[in-house]
Amino acid sequence: MLATNLKKWEQELIQQGIFKGKQEGLQEGLQQGIVRGKLETARKLKQKGLSVQEIAEVTGLSFEDIEQL
């Protein structure tokens, strides 16, 4: 009985760990996608001749990030 319960708890903990890992991976991927989108928008705005300050205000990116584009 105890061994059965321990095995069940172990499996539940493993499943929780897998779920948490997947959630963290999805969140990290989402954040990377958002940053890539902002950088692409900034690149296009820079090509259109907007100032670094205007681009920073619109995208929320730093001046350094925008200047590197």
C-alpha atoms as a PDB file:
ATOM      1  CA  MET A   1       0.000   0.000   0.000  1.00  0.00           C
ATOM      2  CA  LEU A   2       2.706   2.485   0.996  1.00  0.00           C
ATOM      3  CA  ALA A   3       4.844   1.514  -1.970  1.00  0.00           C
ATOM      4  CA  THR A   4       1.869   2.005  -4.276  1.00  0.00           C
ATOM      5  CA  ASN A   5       1.177   5.461  -2.839  1.00  0.00           C
ATOM      6  CA  LEU A   6       4.828   6.456  -3.123  1.00  0.00           C
ATOM      7  CA  LYS A   7       4.920   5.369  -6.762  1.00  0.00           C
ATOM      8  CA  LYS A   8       1.712   7.292  -7.460  1.00  0.00           C
ATOM      9  CA  TRP A   9       3.094  10.460  -5.798  1.00  0.00           C
ATOM     10  CA  GLU A  10       6.338  10.090  -7.716  1.00  0.00           C
ATOM     11  CA  GLN A  11       4.441   9.897 -11.007  1.00  0.00           C
ATOM     12  CA  GLU A  12       2.328  12.926 -10.064  1.00  0.00           C
ATOM     13  CA  LEU A  13       5.450  14.945  -9.234  1.00  0.00           C
ATOM     14  CA  ILE A  14       7.041  13.962 -12.527  1.00  0.00           C
ATOM     15  CA  GLN A  15       3.907  14.996 -14.427  1.00  0.00           C
ATOM     16  CA  GLN A  16       3.808  18.321 -12.554  1.00  0.00           C
ATOM     17  CA  GLY A  17       7.459  18.902 -13.423  1.00  0.00           C
ATOM     18  CA  ILE A  18       6.855  18.159 -17.079  1.00  0.00           C
ATOM     19  CA  PHE A  19       3.850  20.482 -17.144  1.00  0.00           C
ATOM     20  CA  LYS A  20       5.797  23.262 -15.426  1.00  0.00           C
ATOM     21  CA  GLY A  21       8.692  22.827 -17.855  1.00  0.00           C
ATOM     22  CA  LYS A  22       6.377  23.048 -20.841  1.00  0.00           C
ATOM     23  CA  GLN A  23       4.702  26.158 -19.460  1.00  0.00           C
ATOM     24  CA  GLU A  24       8.059  27.844 -18.857  1.00  0.00           C
ATOM     25  CA  GLY A  25       9.213  26.933 -22.364  1.00  0.00           C
ATOM     26  CA  LEU A  26       6.049  28.324 -23.918  1.00  0.00           C
ATOM     27  CA  GLN A  27       6.372  31.545 -21.920  1.00  0.00           C
ATOM     28  CA  GLU A  28      10.011  31.958 -22.937  1.00  0.00           C
ATOM     29  CA  GLY A  29       9.153  31.367 -26.595  1.00  0.00           C
ATOM     30  CA  LEU A  30       6.328  33.873 -26.429  1.00  0.00           C
ATOM     31  CA  GLN A  31       8.623  36.515 -24.939  1.00  0.00           C
ATOM     32  CA  GLN A  32      11.239  35.901 -27.630  1.00  0.00           C
ATOM     33  CA  GLY A  33       8.566  36.265 -30.297  1.00  0.00           C
ATOM     34  CA  ILE A  34       7.398  39.561 -28.845  1.00  0.00           C
ATOM     35  CA  VAL A  35      10.949  40.940 -28.831  1.00  0.00           C
ATOM     36  CA  ARG A  36      11.535  39.794 -32.413  1.00  0.00           C
ATOM     37  CA  GLY A  37       8.305  41.491 -33.465  1.00  0.00           C
ATOM     38  CA  LYS A  38       9.322  44.733 -31.786  1.00  0.00           C
ATOM     39  CA  LEU A  39      12.745  44.614 -33.438  1.00  0.00           C
ATOM     40  CA  GLU A  40      11.200  44.026 -36.858  1.00  0.00           C
ATOM     41  CA  THR A  41       8.791  46.922 -36.326  1.00  0.00           C
ATOM     42  CA  ALA A  42      11.670  49.133 -35.192  1.00  0.00           C
ATOM     43  CA  ARG A  43      13.709  48.158 -38.253  1.00  0.00           C
ATOM     44  CA  LYS A  44      10.837  49.147 -40.554  1.00  0.00           C
ATOM     45  CA  LEU A  45      10.217  52.423 -38.715  1.00  0.00           C
ATOM     46  CA  LYS A  46      13.932  53.245 -38.926  1.00  0.00           C
ATOM     47  CA  GLN A  47      13.857  52.595 -42.687  1.00  0.00           C
ATOM     48  CA  LYS A  48      10.926  55.018 -42.922  1.00  0.00           C
ATOM     49  CA  GLY A  49      13.083  57.698 -41.296  1.00  0.00           C
ATOM     50  CA  LEU A  50      11.598  57.915 -37.795  1.00  0.00           C
ATOM     51  CA  SER A  51      13.947  59.069 -35.067  1.00  0.00           C
ATOM     52  CA  VAL A  52      15.388  56.665 -32.522  1.00  0.00           C
ATOM     53  CA  GLN A  53      13.421  58.451 -29.805  1.00  0.00           C
ATOM     54  CA  GLU A  54      10.131  58.030 -31.681  1.00  0.00           C
ATOM     55  CA  ILE A  55      10.842  54.374 -32.346  1.00  0.00           C
ATOM     56  CA  ALA A  56      11.712  53.804 -28.682  1.00  0.00           C
ATOM     57  CA  GLU A  57       8.437  55.419 -27.617  1.00  0.00           C
ATOM     58  CA  VAL A  58       6.418  53.259 -30.015  1.00  0.00           C
ATOM     59  CA  THR A  59       8.153  49.922 -29.423  1.00  0.00           C
ATOM     60  CA  GLY A  60       9.437  50.214 -25.868  1.00  0.00           C
ATOM     61  CA  LEU A  61      12.907  49.165 -27.026  1.00  0.00           C
ATOM     62  CA  SER A  62      16.050  50.832 -25.737  1.00  0.00           C
ATOM     63  CA  PHE A  63      17.956  53.403 -27.797  1.00  0.00           C
ATOM     64  CA  GLU A  64      20.895  50.970 -27.932  1.00  0.00           C
ATOM     65  CA  ASP A  65      18.768  48.172 -29.398  1.00  0.00           C
ATOM     66  CA  ILE A  66      17.374  50.488 -32.051  1.00  0.00           C
ATOM     67  CA  GLU A  67      20.738  51.982 -32.979  1.00  0.00           C
ATOM     68  CA  GLN A  68      22.136  48.478 -33.548  1.00  0.00           C
ATOM     69  CA  LEU A  69      19.556  47.771 -36.253  1.00  0.00           C
END
